[in-house]
Amino acid sequence: MKNKTMITFVLLVSTLSTGLIAGLFYAYSCSVNPGLGRLSDAEYLSAMQAINRAILNPVFFATFMGTVILLPLSAWFSYQGQPSRQFWCFLAAAIIYIVGTFWRYYRG
């Protein structure tokens, strides 16, 4: 039998990490992209390189990749003999997150 406390913790952390990444994507598209669009090509390249260097840190990596692990795990924990609404929501979130985040790297 699954430990109820651990399940609750995983569901909570999964929801929190998904919200943090969604907030990052939203803030980036609403504030950083318009600002970058006003730069010359050389300035744009320099700014993007600086952003890429800054975002590569343990906190971002744990949140970004942790969500990849936690969402499917949450779906699995939510499955109770038959699919529930919670299971389908976490499964859909996992698929949307993984495909939406990594698809651009695989399509070339």
PDB file of N, CA and C in Angstrom:
ATOM      1  N   MET A   1       0.842  -1.191   0.000  1.00  0.00           N
ATOM      2  CA  MET A   1       0.000   0.000   0.000  1.00  0.00           C
ATOM      3  C   MET A   1       0.883   1.248   0.000  1.00  0.00           C
ATOM      4  N   LYS A   2       0.443   2.244  -0.706  1.00  0.00           N
ATOM      5  CA  LYS A   2       1.203   3.474  -0.840  1.00  0.00           C
ATOM      6  C   LYS A   2       1.079   4.323   0.424  1.00  0.00           C
ATOM      7  N   ASN A   3       2.176   4.944   0.818  1.00  0.00           N
ATOM      8  CA  ASN A   3       2.220   5.803   1.990  1.00  0.00           C
ATOM      9  C   ASN A   3       1.473   7.104   1.672  1.00  0.00           C
ATOM     10  N   LYS A   4       0.422   7.400   2.413  1.00  0.00           N
ATOM     11  CA  LYS A   4      -0.431   8.573   2.173  1.00  0.00           C
ATOM     12  C   LYS A   4       0.338   9.885   2.305  1.00  0.00           C
ATOM     13  N   THR A   5       1.233   9.963   3.289  1.00  0.00           N
ATOM     14  CA  THR A   5       2.002  11.181   3.499  1.00  0.00           C
ATOM     15  C   THR A   5       2.939  11.447   2.322  1.00  0.00           C
ATOM     16  N   MET A   6       3.590  10.396   1.837  1.00  0.00           N
ATOM     17  CA  MET A   6       4.495  10.553   0.701  1.00  0.00           C
ATOM     18  C   MET A   6       3.721  10.945  -0.553  1.00  0.00           C
ATOM     19  N   ILE A   7       2.567  10.346  -0.762  1.00  0.00           N
ATOM     20  CA  ILE A   7       1.738  10.676  -1.923  1.00  0.00           C
ATOM     21  C   ILE A   7       1.336  12.151  -1.872  1.00  0.00           C
ATOM     22  N   THR A   8       0.880  12.597  -0.720  1.00  0.00           N
ATOM     23  CA  THR A   8       0.485  13.996  -0.562  1.00  0.00           C
ATOM     24  C   THR A   8       1.669  14.924  -0.813  1.00  0.00           C
ATOM     25  N   PHE A   9       2.834  14.567  -0.309  1.00  0.00           N
ATOM     26  CA  PHE A   9       4.033  15.370  -0.522  1.00  0.00           C
ATOM     27  C   PHE A   9       4.393  15.447  -2.004  1.00  0.00           C
ATOM     28  N   VAL A  10       4.373  14.313  -2.698  1.00  0.00           N
ATOM     29  CA  VAL A  10       4.705  14.287  -4.131  1.00  0.00           C
ATOM     30  C   VAL A  10       3.697  15.110  -4.926  1.00  0.00           C
ATOM     31  N   LEU A  11       2.409  14.976  -4.612  1.00  0.00           N
ATOM     32  CA  LEU A  11       1.393  15.751  -5.322  1.00  0.00           C
ATOM     33  C   LEU A  11       1.578  17.250  -5.082  1.00  0.00           C
ATOM     34  N   LEU A  12       1.896  17.619  -3.862  1.00  0.00           N
ATOM     35  CA  LEU A  12       2.104  19.031  -3.524  1.00  0.00           C
ATOM     36  C   LEU A  12       3.344  19.594  -4.232  1.00  0.00           C
ATOM     37  N   VAL A  13       4.461  18.883  -4.169  1.00  0.00           N
ATOM     38  CA  VAL A  13       5.697  19.352  -4.802  1.00  0.00           C
ATOM     39  C   VAL A  13       5.535  19.376  -6.318  1.00  0.00           C
ATOM     40  N   SER A  14       4.840  18.397  -6.868  1.00  0.00           N
ATOM     41  CA  SER A  14       4.584  18.362  -8.309  1.00  0.00           C
ATOM     42  C   SER A  14       3.784  19.583  -8.749  1.00  0.00           C
ATOM     43  N   THR A  15       2.750  19.891  -8.016  1.00  0.00           N
ATOM     44  CA  THR A  15       1.917  21.052  -8.334  1.00  0.00           C
ATOM     45  C   THR A  15       2.713  22.349  -8.184  1.00  0.00           C
ATOM     46  N   LEU A  16       3.491  22.449  -7.129  1.00  0.00           N
ATOM     47  CA  LEU A  16       4.305  23.645  -6.889  1.00  0.00           C
ATOM     48  C   LEU A  16       5.358  23.827  -7.977  1.00  0.00           C
ATOM     49  N   SER A  17       6.073  22.768  -8.330  1.00  0.00           N
ATOM     50  CA  SER A  17       7.124  22.887  -9.349  1.00  0.00           C
ATOM     51  C   SER A  17       6.532  23.215 -10.721  1.00  0.00           C
ATOM     52  N   THR A  18       5.381  22.647 -11.032  1.00  0.00           N
ATOM     53  CA  THR A  18       4.722  22.973 -12.298  1.00  0.00           C
ATOM     54  C   THR A  18       4.310  24.440 -12.330  1.00  0.00           C
ATOM     55  N   GLY A  19       3.787  24.928 -11.226  1.00  0.00           N
ATOM     56  CA  GLY A  19       3.404  26.339 -11.140  1.00  0.00           C
ATOM     57  C   GLY A  19       4.603  27.265 -11.244  1.00  0.00           C
ATOM     58  N   LEU A  20       5.718  26.894 -10.637  1.00  0.00           N
ATOM     59  CA  LEU A  20       6.922  27.725 -10.718  1.00  0.00           C
ATOM     60  C   LEU A  20       7.442  27.809 -12.152  1.00  0.00           C
ATOM     61  N   ILE A  21       7.483  26.685 -12.836  1.00  0.00           N
ATOM     62  CA  ILE A  21       7.961  26.684 -14.218  1.00  0.00           C
ATOM     63  C   ILE A  21       6.976  27.426 -15.125  1.00  0.00           C
ATOM     64  N   ALA A  22       5.686  27.237 -14.895  1.00  0.00           N
ATOM     65  CA  ALA A  22       4.691  27.965 -15.690  1.00  0.00           C
ATOM     66  C   ALA A  22       4.843  29.468 -15.480  1.00  0.00           C
ATOM     67  N   GLY A  23       5.084  29.880 -14.249  1.00  0.00           N
ATOM     68  CA  GLY A  23       5.309  31.293 -13.966  1.00  0.00           C
ATOM     69  C   GLY A  23       6.562  31.817 -14.643  1.00  0.00           C
ATOM     70  N   LEU A  24       7.612  31.015 -14.668  1.00  0.00           N
ATOM     71  CA  LEU A  24       8.839  31.410 -15.350  1.00  0.00           C
ATOM     72  C   LEU A  24       8.582  31.595 -16.845  1.00  0.00           C
ATOM     73  N   PHE A  25       7.911  30.624 -17.464  1.00  0.00           N
ATOM     74  CA  PHE A  25       7.607  30.723 -18.895  1.00  0.00           C
ATOM     75  C   PHE A  25       6.726  31.943 -19.177  1.00  0.00           C
ATOM     76  N   TYR A  26       5.741  32.180 -18.333  1.00  0.00           N
ATOM     77  CA  TYR A  26       4.831  33.313 -18.525  1.00  0.00           C
ATOM     78  C   TYR A  26       5.574  34.646 -18.385  1.00  0.00           C
ATOM     79  N   ALA A  27       6.347  34.774 -17.313  1.00  0.00           N
ATOM     80  CA  ALA A  27       7.083  36.024 -17.095  1.00  0.00           C
ATOM     81  C   ALA A  27       8.083  36.270 -18.220  1.00  0.00           C
ATOM     82  N   TYR A  28       8.726  35.214 -18.679  1.00  0.00           N
ATOM     83  CA  TYR A  28       9.696  35.344 -19.771  1.00  0.00           C
ATOM     84  C   TYR A  28       9.006  35.835 -21.039  1.00  0.00           C
ATOM     85  N   SER A  29       7.862  35.243 -21.364  1.00  0.00           N
ATOM     86  CA  SER A  29       7.182  35.634 -22.607  1.00  0.00           C
ATOM     87  C   SER A  29       6.551  37.021 -22.519  1.00  0.00           C
ATOM     88  N   CYS A  30       6.165  37.454 -21.316  1.00  0.00           N
ATOM     89  CA  CYS A  30       5.524  38.768 -21.167  1.00  0.00           C
ATOM     90  C   CYS A  30       6.508  39.910 -20.951  1.00  0.00           C
ATOM     91  N   SER A  31       7.692  39.614 -20.442  1.00  0.00           N
ATOM     92  CA  SER A  31       8.607  40.707 -20.116  1.00  0.00           C
ATOM     93  C   SER A  31       9.950  40.603 -20.839  1.00  0.00           C
ATOM     94  N   VAL A  32      10.560  39.448 -20.842  1.00  0.00           N
ATOM     95  CA  VAL A  32      11.894  39.321 -21.429  1.00  0.00           C
ATOM     96  C   VAL A  32      11.825  39.364 -22.950  1.00  0.00           C
ATOM     97  N   ASN A  33      10.927  38.594 -23.556  1.00  0.00           N
ATOM     98  CA  ASN A  33      10.828  38.573 -25.017  1.00  0.00           C
ATOM     99  C   ASN A  33      10.571  39.950 -25.619  1.00  0.00           C
ATOM    100  N   PRO A  34       9.609  40.731 -25.108  1.00  0.00           N
ATOM    101  CA  PRO A  34       9.426  42.071 -25.679  1.00  0.00           C
ATOM    102  C   PRO A  34      10.672  42.952 -25.533  1.00  0.00           C
ATOM    103  N   GLY A  35      11.366  42.819 -24.416  1.00  0.00           N
ATOM    104  CA  GLY A  35      12.594  43.593 -24.222  1.00  0.00           C
ATOM    105  C   GLY A  35      13.691  43.166 -25.184  1.00  0.00           C
ATOM    106  N   LEU A  36      13.827  41.863 -25.376  1.00  0.00           N
ATOM    107  CA  LEU A  36      14.840  41.361 -26.304  1.00  0.00           C
ATOM    108  C   LEU A  36      14.527  41.776 -27.742  1.00  0.00           C
ATOM    109  N   GLY A  37      13.254  41.878 -28.048  1.00  0.00           N
ATOM    110  CA  GLY A  37      12.847  42.265 -29.398  1.00  0.00           C
ATOM    111  C   GLY A  37      13.264  43.682 -29.766  1.00  0.00           C
ATOM    112  N   ARG A  38      13.572  44.496 -28.787  1.00  0.00           N
ATOM    113  CA  ARG A  38      13.978  45.885 -29.036  1.00  0.00           C
ATOM    114  C   ARG A  38      15.484  46.036 -29.233  1.00  0.00           C
ATOM    115  N   LEU A  39      16.215  44.946 -29.091  1.00  0.00           N
ATOM    116  CA  LEU A  39      17.676  45.012 -29.197  1.00  0.00           C
ATOM    117  C   LEU A  39      18.140  44.769 -30.630  1.00  0.00           C
ATOM    118  N   SER A  40      19.329  45.250 -30.925  1.00  0.00           N
ATOM    119  CA  SER A  40      19.948  44.920 -32.211  1.00  0.00           C
ATOM    120  C   SER A  40      20.344  43.446 -32.174  1.00  0.00           C
ATOM    121  N   ASP A  41      20.709  42.902 -33.320  1.00  0.00           N
ATOM    122  CA  ASP A  41      21.065  41.482 -33.391  1.00  0.00           C
ATOM    123  C   ASP A  41      22.242  41.136 -32.477  1.00  0.00           C
ATOM    124  N   ALA A  42      23.257  41.968 -32.462  1.00  0.00           N
ATOM    125  CA  ALA A  42      24.434  41.705 -31.621  1.00  0.00           C
ATOM    126  C   ALA A  42      24.071  41.788 -30.134  1.00  0.00           C
ATOM    127  N   GLU A  43      23.270  42.794 -29.784  1.00  0.00           N
ATOM    128  CA  GLU A  43      22.843  42.930 -28.394  1.00  0.00           C
ATOM    129  C   GLU A  43      21.937  41.768 -27.985  1.00  0.00           C
ATOM    130  N   TYR A  44      21.069  41.341 -28.899  1.00  0.00           N
ATOM    131  CA  TYR A  44      20.175  40.209 -28.641  1.00  0.00           C
ATOM    132  C   TYR A  44      20.985  38.954 -28.347  1.00  0.00           C
ATOM    133  N   LEU A  45      21.973  38.680 -29.179  1.00  0.00           N
ATOM    134  CA  LEU A  45      22.813  37.506 -29.008  1.00  0.00           C
ATOM    135  C   LEU A  45      23.538  37.550 -27.663  1.00  0.00           C
ATOM    136  N   SER A  46      24.094  38.690 -27.331  1.00  0.00           N
ATOM    137  CA  SER A  46      24.800  38.846 -26.063  1.00  0.00           C
ATOM    138  C   SER A  46      23.853  38.656 -24.872  1.00  0.00           C
ATOM    139  N   ALA A  47      22.660  39.239 -24.951  1.00  0.00           N
ATOM    140  CA  ALA A  47      21.682  39.110 -23.867  1.00  0.00           C
ATOM    141  C   ALA A  47      21.227  37.659 -23.707  1.00  0.00           C
ATOM    142  N   MET A  48      20.952  36.974 -24.804  1.00  0.00           N
ATOM    143  CA  MET A  48      20.507  35.571 -24.721  1.00  0.00           C
ATOM    144  C   MET A  48      21.603  34.689 -24.142  1.00  0.00           C
ATOM    145  N   GLN A  49      22.844  34.932 -24.523  1.00  0.00           N
ATOM    146  CA  GLN A  49      23.941  34.146 -23.964  1.00  0.00           C
ATOM    147  C   GLN A  49      24.063  34.375 -22.452  1.00  0.00           C
ATOM    148  N   ALA A  50      23.872  35.619 -22.026  1.00  0.00           N
ATOM    149  CA  ALA A  50      23.926  35.920 -20.592  1.00  0.00           C
ATOM    150  C   ALA A  50      22.763  35.257 -19.854  1.00  0.00           C
ATOM    151  N   ILE A  51      21.565  35.285 -20.445  1.00  0.00           N
ATOM    152  CA  ILE A  51      20.401  34.640 -19.832  1.00  0.00           C
ATOM    153  C   ILE A  51      20.630  33.135 -19.730  1.00  0.00           C
ATOM    154  N   ASN A  52      21.145  32.536 -20.795  1.00  0.00           N
ATOM    155  CA  ASN A  52      21.392  31.091 -20.789  1.00  0.00           C
ATOM    156  C   ASN A  52      22.433  30.700 -19.740  1.00  0.00           C
ATOM    157  N   ARG A  53      23.441  31.524 -19.562  1.00  0.00           N
ATOM    158  CA  ARG A  53      24.441  31.227 -18.524  1.00  0.00           C
ATOM    159  C   ARG A  53      23.836  31.367 -17.124  1.00  0.00           C
ATOM    160  N   ALA A  54      23.013  32.383 -16.937  1.00  0.00           N
ATOM    161  CA  ALA A  54      22.439  32.640 -15.609  1.00  0.00           C
ATOM    162  C   ALA A  54      21.422  31.591 -15.196  1.00  0.00           C
ATOM    163  N   ILE A  55      20.652  31.085 -16.158  1.00  0.00           N
ATOM    164  CA  ILE A  55      19.570  30.162 -15.797  1.00  0.00           C
ATOM    165  C   ILE A  55      20.079  28.751 -15.524  1.00  0.00           C
ATOM    166  N   LEU A  56      21.286  28.448 -15.968  1.00  0.00           N
ATOM    167  CA  LEU A  56      21.850  27.123 -15.715  1.00  0.00           C
ATOM    168  C   LEU A  56      22.407  27.075 -14.293  1.00  0.00           C
ATOM    169  N   ASN A  57      21.510  26.766 -13.354  1.00  0.00           N
ATOM    170  CA  ASN A  57      21.890  26.683 -11.945  1.00  0.00           C
ATOM    171  C   ASN A  57      21.125  25.528 -11.305  1.00  0.00           C
ATOM    172  N   PRO A  58      21.565  25.056 -10.155  1.00  0.00           N
ATOM    173  CA  PRO A  58      20.941  23.889  -9.528  1.00  0.00           C
ATOM    174  C   PRO A  58      19.459  24.057  -9.191  1.00  0.00           C
ATOM    175  N   VAL A  59      19.058  25.242  -8.779  1.00  0.00           N
ATOM    176  CA  VAL A  59      17.650  25.455  -8.416  1.00  0.00           C
ATOM    177  C   VAL A  59      16.761  25.321  -9.647  1.00  0.00           C
ATOM    178  N   PHE A  60      17.154  25.974 -10.741  1.00  0.00           N
ATOM    179  CA  PHE A  60      16.373  25.860 -11.973  1.00  0.00           C
ATOM    180  C   PHE A  60      16.361  24.419 -12.466  1.00  0.00           C
ATOM    181  N   PHE A  61      17.519  23.768 -12.490  1.00  0.00           N
ATOM    182  CA  PHE A  61      17.590  22.401 -12.988  1.00  0.00           C
ATOM    183  C   PHE A  61      16.696  21.464 -12.165  1.00  0.00           C
ATOM    184  N   ALA A  62      16.740  21.597 -10.846  1.00  0.00           N
ATOM    185  CA  ALA A  62      15.916  20.736  -9.991  1.00  0.00           C
ATOM    186  C   ALA A  62      14.429  20.961 -10.251  1.00  0.00           C
ATOM    187  N   THR A  63      14.031  22.207 -10.428  1.00  0.00           N
ATOM    188  CA  THR A  63      12.621  22.500 -10.675  1.00  0.00           C
ATOM    189  C   THR A  63      12.211  22.065 -12.068  1.00  0.00           C
ATOM    190  N   PHE A  64      13.024  22.389 -13.059  1.00  0.00           N
ATOM    191  CA  PHE A  64      12.712  22.090 -14.457  1.00  0.00           C
ATOM    192  C   PHE A  64      12.657  20.587 -14.707  1.00  0.00           C
ATOM    193  N   MET A  65      13.690  19.865 -14.298  1.00  0.00           N
ATOM    194  CA  MET A  65      13.732  18.420 -14.529  1.00  0.00           C
ATOM    195  C   MET A  65      12.936  17.648 -13.474  1.00  0.00           C
ATOM    196  N   GLY A  66      12.822  18.206 -12.283  1.00  0.00           N
ATOM    197  CA  GLY A  66      12.016  17.552 -11.257  1.00  0.00           C
ATOM    198  C   GLY A  66      10.564  17.435 -11.669  1.00  0.00           C
ATOM    199  N   THR A  67      10.071  18.440 -12.380  1.00  0.00           N
ATOM    200  CA  THR A  67       8.693  18.407 -12.865  1.00  0.00           C
ATOM    201  C   THR A  67       8.495  17.272 -13.861  1.00  0.00           C
ATOM    202  N   VAL A  68       9.514  16.999 -14.665  1.00  0.00           N
ATOM    203  CA  VAL A  68       9.444  15.891 -15.636  1.00  0.00           C
ATOM    204  C   VAL A  68       9.253  14.559 -14.907  1.00  0.00           C
ATOM    205  N   ILE A  69       9.850  14.427 -13.754  1.00  0.00           N
ATOM    206  CA  ILE A  69       9.740  13.190 -12.976  1.00  0.00           C
ATOM    207  C   ILE A  69       8.475  13.191 -12.117  1.00  0.00           C
ATOM    208  N   LEU A  70       8.178  14.322 -11.504  1.00  0.00           N
ATOM    209  CA  LEU A  70       7.083  14.384 -10.534  1.00  0.00           C
ATOM    210  C   LEU A  70       5.690  14.296 -11.156  1.00  0.00           C
ATOM    211  N   LEU A  71       5.489  14.870 -12.329  1.00  0.00           N
ATOM    212  CA  LEU A  71       4.142  14.809 -12.924  1.00  0.00           C
ATOM    213  C   LEU A  71       3.717  13.382 -13.280  1.00  0.00           C
ATOM    214  N   PRO A  72       4.548  12.590 -13.979  1.00  0.00           N
ATOM    215  CA  PRO A  72       4.146  11.188 -14.208  1.00  0.00           C
ATOM    216  C   PRO A  72       4.010  10.394 -12.908  1.00  0.00           C
ATOM    217  N   LEU A  73       4.887  10.677 -11.941  1.00  0.00           N
ATOM    218  CA  LEU A  73       4.796   9.996 -10.649  1.00  0.00           C
ATOM    219  C   LEU A  73       3.487  10.345  -9.950  1.00  0.00           C
ATOM    220  N   SER A  74       3.070  11.598 -10.045  1.00  0.00           N
ATOM    221  CA  SER A  74       1.791  12.017  -9.467  1.00  0.00           C
ATOM    222  C   SER A  74       0.623  11.327 -10.149  1.00  0.00           C
ATOM    223  N   ALA A  75       0.711  11.182 -11.458  1.00  0.00           N
ATOM    224  CA  ALA A  75      -0.348  10.457 -12.176  1.00  0.00           C
ATOM    225  C   ALA A  75      -0.407   9.006 -11.697  1.00  0.00           C
ATOM    226  N   TRP A  76       0.752   8.399 -11.540  1.00  0.00           N
ATOM    227  CA  TRP A  76       0.800   7.011 -11.088  1.00  0.00           C
ATOM    228  C   TRP A  76       0.238   6.875  -9.671  1.00  0.00           C
ATOM    229  N   PHE A  77       0.604   7.805  -8.786  1.00  0.00           N
ATOM    230  CA  PHE A  77       0.073   7.788  -7.424  1.00  0.00           C
ATOM    231  C   PHE A  77      -1.435   8.029  -7.409  1.00  0.00           C
ATOM    232  N   SER A  78      -1.944   8.771  -8.374  1.00  0.00           N
ATOM    233  CA  SER A  78      -3.377   9.095  -8.420  1.00  0.00           C
ATOM    234  C   SER A  78      -4.222   7.947  -8.978  1.00  0.00           C
ATOM    235  N   TYR A  79      -3.577   6.993  -9.600  1.00  0.00           N
ATOM    236  CA  TYR A  79      -4.303   5.849 -10.155  1.00  0.00           C
ATOM    237  C   TYR A  79      -4.665   4.900  -9.017  1.00  0.00           C
ATOM    238  N   GLN A  80      -5.965   4.644  -8.860  1.00  0.00           N
ATOM    239  CA  GLN A  80      -6.429   3.801  -7.752  1.00  0.00           C
ATOM    240  C   GLN A  80      -7.298   2.656  -8.268  1.00  0.00           C
ATOM    241  N   GLY A  81      -6.691   1.793  -9.048  1.00  0.00           N
ATOM    242  CA  GLY A  81      -7.439   0.661  -9.589  1.00  0.00           C
ATOM    243  C   GLY A  81      -8.169   0.993 -10.875  1.00  0.00           C
ATOM    244  N   GLN A  82      -8.654   2.189 -10.964  1.00  0.00           N
ATOM    245  CA  GLN A  82      -9.263   2.687 -12.193  1.00  0.00           C
ATOM    246  C   GLN A  82      -8.947   4.176 -12.305  1.00  0.00           C
ATOM    247  N   PRO A  83      -8.879   4.698 -13.528  1.00  0.00           N
ATOM    248  CA  PRO A  83      -8.500   6.103 -13.690  1.00  0.00           C
ATOM    249  C   PRO A  83      -9.523   7.052 -13.060  1.00  0.00           C
ATOM    250  N   SER A  84      -9.005   7.970 -12.260  1.00  0.00           N
ATOM    251  CA  SER A  84      -9.848   8.996 -11.650  1.00  0.00           C
ATOM    252  C   SER A  84      -9.634  10.312 -12.399  1.00  0.00           C
ATOM    253  N   ARG A  85     -10.414  11.309 -12.068  1.00  0.00           N
ATOM    254  CA  ARG A  85     -10.230  12.640 -12.675  1.00  0.00           C
ATOM    255  C   ARG A  85      -8.843  13.186 -12.345  1.00  0.00           C
ATOM    256  N   GLN A  86      -8.406  12.987 -11.120  1.00  0.00           N
ATOM    257  CA  GLN A  86      -7.088  13.452 -10.707  1.00  0.00           C
ATOM    258  C   GLN A  86      -5.995  12.769 -11.532  1.00  0.00           C
ATOM    259  N   PHE A  87      -6.131  11.475 -11.768  1.00  0.00           N
ATOM    260  CA  PHE A  87      -5.170  10.744 -12.595  1.00  0.00           C
ATOM    261  C   PHE A  87      -5.093  11.353 -13.984  1.00  0.00           C
ATOM    262  N   TRP A  88      -6.248  11.572 -14.625  1.00  0.00           N
ATOM    263  CA  TRP A  88      -6.259  12.118 -15.983  1.00  0.00           C
ATOM    264  C   TRP A  88      -5.672  13.524 -16.029  1.00  0.00           C
ATOM    265  N   CYS A  89      -5.927  14.316 -14.999  1.00  0.00           N
ATOM    266  CA  CYS A  89      -5.367  15.678 -14.959  1.00  0.00           C
ATOM    267  C   CYS A  89      -3.846  15.644 -14.850  1.00  0.00           C
ATOM    268  N   PHE A  90      -3.315  14.810 -13.965  1.00  0.00           N
ATOM    269  CA  PHE A  90      -1.862  14.719 -13.835  1.00  0.00           C
ATOM    270  C   PHE A  90      -1.232  14.094 -15.077  1.00  0.00           C
ATOM    271  N   LEU A  91      -1.891  13.114 -15.673  1.00  0.00           N
ATOM    272  CA  LEU A  91      -1.365  12.515 -16.899  1.00  0.00           C
ATOM    273  C   LEU A  91      -1.344  13.538 -18.032  1.00  0.00           C
ATOM    274  N   ALA A  92      -2.423  14.288 -18.182  1.00  0.00           N
ATOM    275  CA  ALA A  92      -2.469  15.336 -19.206  1.00  0.00           C
ATOM    276  C   ALA A  92      -1.404  16.394 -18.947  1.00  0.00           C
ATOM    277  N   ALA A  93      -1.240  16.789 -17.695  1.00  0.00           N
ATOM    278  CA  ALA A  93      -0.217  17.786 -17.349  1.00  0.00           C
ATOM    279  C   ALA A  93       1.176  17.262 -17.688  1.00  0.00           C
ATOM    280  N   ALA A  94       1.432  15.991 -17.399  1.00  0.00           N
ATOM    281  CA  ALA A  94       2.741  15.401 -17.701  1.00  0.00           C
ATOM    282  C   ALA A  94       3.005  15.401 -19.201  1.00  0.00           C
ATOM    283  N   ILE A  95       2.019  14.989 -19.972  1.00  0.00           N
ATOM    284  CA  ILE A  95       2.194  14.938 -21.426  1.00  0.00           C
ATOM    285  C   ILE A  95       2.385  16.337 -21.999  1.00  0.00           C
ATOM    286  N   ILE A  96       1.544  17.275 -21.593  1.00  0.00           N
ATOM    287  CA  ILE A  96       1.644  18.649 -22.097  1.00  0.00           C
ATOM    288  C   ILE A  96       2.984  19.268 -21.708  1.00  0.00           C
ATOM    289  N   TYR A  97       3.414  19.063 -20.475  1.00  0.00           N
ATOM    290  CA  TYR A  97       4.682  19.638 -20.014  1.00  0.00           C
ATOM    291  C   TYR A  97       5.860  19.051 -20.780  1.00  0.00           C
ATOM    292  N   ILE A  98       5.909  17.739 -20.870  1.00  0.00           N
ATOM    293  CA  ILE A  98       7.052  17.086 -21.510  1.00  0.00           C
ATOM    294  C   ILE A  98       7.090  17.400 -23.004  1.00  0.00           C
ATOM    295  N   VAL A  99       5.963  17.269 -23.678  1.00  0.00           N
ATOM    296  CA  VAL A  99       5.929  17.558 -25.117  1.00  0.00           C
ATOM    297  C   VAL A  99       6.166  19.049 -25.362  1.00  0.00           C
ATOM    298  N   GLY A 100       5.493  19.898 -24.613  1.00  0.00           N
ATOM    299  CA  GLY A 100       5.631  21.335 -24.814  1.00  0.00           C
ATOM    300  C   GLY A 100       7.017  21.859 -24.507  1.00  0.00           C
ATOM    301  N   THR A 101       7.695  21.253 -23.576  1.00  0.00           N
ATOM    302  CA  THR A 101       9.015  21.714 -23.176  1.00  0.00           C
ATOM    303  C   THR A 101      10.118  21.173 -24.068  1.00  0.00           C
ATOM    304  N   PHE A 102      10.012  19.914 -24.475  1.00  0.00           N
ATOM    305  CA  PHE A 102      11.116  19.280 -25.183  1.00  0.00           C
ATOM    306  C   PHE A 102      10.891  19.066 -26.671  1.00  0.00           C
ATOM    307  N   TRP A 103       9.691  19.271 -27.159  1.00  0.00           N
ATOM    308  CA  TRP A 103       9.393  18.978 -28.560  1.00  0.00           C
ATOM    309  C   TRP A 103      10.256  19.782 -29.518  1.00  0.00           C
ATOM    310  N   ARG A 104      10.503  21.036 -29.215  1.00  0.00           N
ATOM    311  CA  ARG A 104      11.276  21.883 -30.132  1.00  0.00           C
ATOM    312  C   ARG A 104      12.693  21.372 -30.319  1.00  0.00           C
ATOM    313  N   TYR A 105      13.244  20.662 -29.330  1.00  0.00           N
ATOM    314  CA  TYR A 105      14.589  20.125 -29.454  1.00  0.00           C
ATOM    315  C   TYR A 105      14.612  18.888 -30.355  1.00  0.00           C
ATOM    316  N   TYR A 106      13.524  18.155 -30.404  1.00  0.00           N
ATOM    317  CA  TYR A 106      13.482  16.924 -31.175  1.00  0.00           C
ATOM    318  C   TYR A 106      13.019  17.134 -32.607  1.00  0.00           C
ATOM    319  N   ARG A 107      12.323  18.210 -32.864  1.00  0.00           N
ATOM    320  CA  ARG A 107      11.817  18.432 -34.218  1.00  0.00           C
ATOM    321  C   ARG A 107      12.856  19.089 -35.124  1.00  0.00           C
ATOM    322  N   GLY A 108      13.969  19.496 -34.538  1.00  0.00           N
ATOM    323  CA  GLY A 108      15.077  20.003 -35.355  1.00  0.00           C
ATOM    324  C   GLY A 108      15.168  21.445 -35.538  1.00  0.00           C
TER     325      GLY A 108
END
